[in-house]
Amino acid sequence: MNTTNSAESKRYLNNRGGARLGAGRKRNLLAVQARYGQDGKPLPLDILMQTMNERWEAAQAASDPEQRAKYQDEACAVAEKIAPYMHPRLAATTLKGDDQNPLNLDLGLLTADALKALVRGTQT
């Protein structure tokens, strides 16, 4: 960026909102992403899935309990990294009825222990 007193340079130096140099989506990013897997090379997510599956299969085949636990831990560590891309987060929901469709709860289906836990606010 040129540091002269031009109006454009002042616009970028002003820290009160507006355009920023280098901000926003990079040009051609979507085109690059679309071409990424077309050249026959695996995508990063594919590599992680394959690694997770290989570690899990190795854990199932291992006869030594320590080795099995090691492979399972490795598979779980990879699974944690994959999960946000494979399973969207569930949004919190509130159960409530309306005038046409009221919410009916039949507490008669609960056991005595479940009712006590409900009153205490804990799960059984």
C-alpha atoms as a PDB file:
ATOM      1  CA  MET A   1       0.000   0.000   0.000  1.00  0.00           C
ATOM      2  CA  ASN A   2       1.254   3.418  -0.861  1.00  0.00           C
ATOM      3  CA  THR A   3       1.616   5.672   2.196  1.00  0.00           C
ATOM      4  CA  THR A   4       0.883   8.912   0.361  1.00  0.00           C
ATOM      5  CA  ASN A   5      -1.936  11.181   1.469  1.00  0.00           C
ATOM      6  CA  SER A   6      -4.344   9.939  -1.178  1.00  0.00           C
ATOM      7  CA  ALA A   7      -7.974   9.388  -0.272  1.00  0.00           C
ATOM      8  CA  GLU A   8      -7.622   5.642  -0.871  1.00  0.00           C
ATOM      9  CA  SER A   9      -4.740   5.225   1.575  1.00  0.00           C
ATOM     10  CA  LYS A  10      -6.599   7.245   4.219  1.00  0.00           C
ATOM     11  CA  ARG A  11      -9.624   4.968   3.785  1.00  0.00           C
ATOM     12  CA  TYR A  12      -7.535   1.907   4.668  1.00  0.00           C
ATOM     13  CA  LEU A  13      -5.731   3.561   7.561  1.00  0.00           C
ATOM     14  CA  ASN A  14      -8.938   4.724   9.213  1.00  0.00           C
ATOM     15  CA  ASN A  15      -9.812   2.189  11.928  1.00  0.00           C
ATOM     16  CA  ARG A  16     -13.483   3.100  12.069  1.00  0.00           C
ATOM     17  CA  GLY A  17     -14.967   0.465   9.791  1.00  0.00           C
ATOM     18  CA  GLY A  18     -15.154   0.220   6.058  1.00  0.00           C
ATOM     19  CA  ALA A  19     -12.962  -1.707   3.633  1.00  0.00           C
ATOM     20  CA  ARG A  20      -9.768  -3.393   4.799  1.00  0.00           C
ATOM     21  CA  LEU A  21      -6.871  -4.498   2.667  1.00  0.00           C
ATOM     22  CA  GLY A  22      -6.806  -8.272   2.343  1.00  0.00           C
ATOM     23  CA  ALA A  23     -10.230  -8.743   3.943  1.00  0.00           C
ATOM     24  CA  GLY A  24     -12.933 -10.988   2.578  1.00  0.00           C
ATOM     25  CA  ARG A  25     -12.924 -14.150   0.502  1.00  0.00           C
ATOM     26  CA  LYS A  26      -9.886 -14.559  -1.699  1.00  0.00           C
ATOM     27  CA  ARG A  27     -10.497 -14.402  -5.426  1.00  0.00           C
ATOM     28  CA  ASN A  28     -11.182 -17.700  -7.184  1.00  0.00           C
ATOM     29  CA  LEU A  29     -11.347 -19.562  -3.865  1.00  0.00           C
ATOM     30  CA  LEU A  30     -14.523 -21.415  -4.832  1.00  0.00           C
ATOM     31  CA  ALA A  31     -13.063 -22.386  -8.209  1.00  0.00           C
ATOM     32  CA  VAL A  32      -9.922 -23.706  -6.528  1.00  0.00           C
ATOM     33  CA  GLN A  33     -11.978 -25.695  -4.035  1.00  0.00           C
ATOM     34  CA  ALA A  34     -14.123 -27.144  -6.828  1.00  0.00           C
ATOM     35  CA  ARG A  35     -11.029 -28.315  -8.736  1.00  0.00           C
ATOM     36  CA  TYR A  36      -9.262 -29.644  -5.640  1.00  0.00           C
ATOM     37  CA  GLY A  37     -10.532 -33.217  -5.771  1.00  0.00           C
ATOM     38  CA  GLN A  38     -10.878 -33.504  -9.551  1.00  0.00           C
ATOM     39  CA  ASP A  39      -7.238 -34.314 -10.252  1.00  0.00           C
ATOM     40  CA  GLY A  40      -7.530 -37.755  -8.659  1.00  0.00           C
ATOM     41  CA  LYS A  41      -5.823 -36.779  -5.422  1.00  0.00           C
ATOM     42  CA  PRO A  42      -7.758 -37.475  -2.219  1.00  0.00           C
ATOM     43  CA  LEU A  43      -9.269 -34.587  -0.309  1.00  0.00           C
ATOM     44  CA  PRO A  44      -8.005 -33.923   3.242  1.00  0.00           C
ATOM     45  CA  LEU A  45     -11.289 -35.179   4.684  1.00  0.00           C
ATOM     46  CA  ASP A  46     -10.901 -38.415   2.687  1.00  0.00           C
ATOM     47  CA  ILE A  47      -7.408 -38.909   4.094  1.00  0.00           C
ATOM     48  CA  LEU A  48      -8.638 -38.354   7.655  1.00  0.00           C
ATOM     49  CA  MET A  49     -11.510 -40.820   7.144  1.00  0.00           C
ATOM     50  CA  GLN A  50      -9.137 -43.432   5.745  1.00  0.00           C
ATOM     51  CA  THR A  51      -6.706 -42.938   8.636  1.00  0.00           C
ATOM     52  CA  MET A  52      -9.490 -43.250  11.187  1.00  0.00           C
ATOM     53  CA  ASN A  53     -10.797 -46.446   9.591  1.00  0.00           C
ATOM     54  CA  GLU A  54      -7.304 -47.967   9.380  1.00  0.00           C
ATOM     55  CA  ARG A  55      -6.616 -47.204  13.052  1.00  0.00           C
ATOM     56  CA  TRP A  56      -9.975 -48.665  14.074  1.00  0.00           C
ATOM     57  CA  GLU A  57      -9.407 -51.844  12.032  1.00  0.00           C
ATOM     58  CA  ALA A  58      -5.930 -52.172  13.547  1.00  0.00           C
ATOM     59  CA  ALA A  59      -7.482 -51.877  17.014  1.00  0.00           C
ATOM     60  CA  GLN A  60      -9.950 -54.650  16.250  1.00  0.00           C
ATOM     61  CA  ALA A  61      -7.170 -56.905  14.946  1.00  0.00           C
ATOM     62  CA  ALA A  62      -4.755 -56.224  17.829  1.00  0.00           C
ATOM     63  CA  SER A  63      -4.424 -58.998  20.372  1.00  0.00           C
ATOM     64  CA  ASP A  64      -2.502 -56.964  22.962  1.00  0.00           C
ATOM     65  CA  PRO A  65      -4.904 -54.845  25.087  1.00  0.00           C
ATOM     66  CA  GLU A  66      -2.427 -51.970  25.318  1.00  0.00           C
ATOM     67  CA  GLN A  67      -1.920 -51.917  21.559  1.00  0.00           C
ATOM     68  CA  ARG A  68      -5.679 -52.094  21.033  1.00  0.00           C
ATOM     69  CA  ALA A  69      -6.216 -49.122  23.371  1.00  0.00           C
ATOM     70  CA  LYS A  70      -3.504 -47.154  21.567  1.00  0.00           C
ATOM     71  CA  TYR A  71      -5.105 -47.727  18.148  1.00  0.00           C
ATOM     72  CA  GLN A  72      -8.558 -46.891  19.502  1.00  0.00           C
ATOM     73  CA  ASP A  73      -7.262 -43.643  21.026  1.00  0.00           C
ATOM     74  CA  GLU A  74      -5.683 -42.717  17.690  1.00  0.00           C
ATOM     75  CA  ALA A  75      -8.919 -43.481  15.817  1.00  0.00           C
ATOM     76  CA  CYS A  76     -10.919 -41.415  18.307  1.00  0.00           C
ATOM     77  CA  ALA A  77      -8.515 -38.478  18.020  1.00  0.00           C
ATOM     78  CA  VAL A  78      -8.981 -38.438  14.240  1.00  0.00           C
ATOM     79  CA  ALA A  79     -12.749 -38.873  14.623  1.00  0.00           C
ATOM     80  CA  GLU A  80     -12.866 -35.743  16.814  1.00  0.00           C
ATOM     81  CA  LYS A  81     -11.278 -33.745  14.012  1.00  0.00           C
ATOM     82  CA  ILE A  82     -13.660 -35.118  11.389  1.00  0.00           C
ATOM     83  CA  ALA A  83     -16.900 -34.817  13.380  1.00  0.00           C
ATOM     84  CA  PRO A  84     -17.627 -31.098  12.772  1.00  0.00           C
ATOM     85  CA  TYR A  85     -17.440 -31.674   9.010  1.00  0.00           C
ATOM     86  CA  MET A  86     -19.543 -34.840   9.008  1.00  0.00           C
ATOM     87  CA  HIS A  87     -22.209 -34.126  11.638  1.00  0.00           C
ATOM     88  CA  PRO A  88     -23.741 -30.673  12.007  1.00  0.00           C
ATOM     89  CA  ARG A  89     -24.306 -29.382  15.509  1.00  0.00           C
ATOM     90  CA  LEU A  90     -27.792 -29.792  16.820  1.00  0.00           C
ATOM     91  CA  ALA A  91     -29.520 -26.559  17.660  1.00  0.00           C
ATOM     92  CA  ALA A  92     -31.099 -26.163  21.054  1.00  0.00           C
ATOM     93  CA  THR A  93     -34.858 -26.505  20.854  1.00  0.00           C
ATOM     94  CA  THR A  94     -37.654 -25.640  23.185  1.00  0.00           C
ATOM     95  CA  LEU A  95     -40.679 -27.885  23.361  1.00  0.00           C
ATOM     96  CA  LYS A  96     -43.842 -25.878  23.576  1.00  0.00           C
ATOM     97  CA  GLY A  97     -47.330 -26.137  22.273  1.00  0.00           C
ATOM     98  CA  ASP A  98     -49.683 -23.608  20.815  1.00  0.00           C
ATOM     99  CA  ASP A  99     -53.457 -23.090  20.884  1.00  0.00           C
ATOM    100  CA  GLN A 100     -54.110 -25.566  18.065  1.00  0.00           C
ATOM    101  CA  ASN A 101     -51.507 -28.164  19.118  1.00  0.00           C
ATOM    102  CA  PRO A 102     -50.948 -28.079  22.882  1.00  0.00           C
ATOM    103  CA  LEU A 103     -48.051 -30.018  24.340  1.00  0.00           C
ATOM    104  CA  ASN A 104     -49.449 -32.952  26.318  1.00  0.00           C
ATOM    105  CA  LEU A 105     -47.225 -34.729  28.813  1.00  0.00           C
ATOM    106  CA  ASP A 106     -48.467 -38.022  30.238  1.00  0.00           C
ATOM    107  CA  LEU A 107     -46.579 -38.309  33.518  1.00  0.00           C
ATOM    108  CA  GLY A 108     -48.416 -41.552  34.227  1.00  0.00           C
ATOM    109  CA  LEU A 109     -45.963 -43.317  31.930  1.00  0.00           C
ATOM    110  CA  LEU A 110     -43.021 -42.462  34.202  1.00  0.00           C
ATOM    111  CA  THR A 111     -41.864 -44.674  37.031  1.00  0.00           C
ATOM    112  CA  ALA A 112     -41.831 -43.410  40.606  1.00  0.00           C
ATOM    113  CA  ASP A 113     -38.044 -43.050  40.522  1.00  0.00           C
ATOM    114  CA  ALA A 114     -38.223 -41.079  37.271  1.00  0.00           C
ATOM    115  CA  LEU A 115     -40.836 -38.743  38.770  1.00  0.00           C
ATOM    116  CA  LYS A 116     -38.658 -38.158  41.844  1.00  0.00           C
ATOM    117  CA  ALA A 117     -35.681 -37.420  39.609  1.00  0.00           C
ATOM    118  CA  LEU A 118     -37.818 -35.030  37.576  1.00  0.00           C
ATOM    119  CA  VAL A 119     -38.790 -33.155  40.725  1.00  0.00           C
ATOM    120  CA  ARG A 120     -35.146 -33.026  41.856  1.00  0.00           C
ATOM    121  CA  GLY A 121     -34.065 -31.886  38.384  1.00  0.00           C
ATOM    122  CA  THR A 122     -31.703 -34.773  37.752  1.00  0.00           C
ATOM    123  CA  GLN A 123     -31.616 -37.598  35.233  1.00  0.00           C
ATOM    124  CA  THR A 124     -32.088 -41.251  36.043  1.00  0.00           C
END
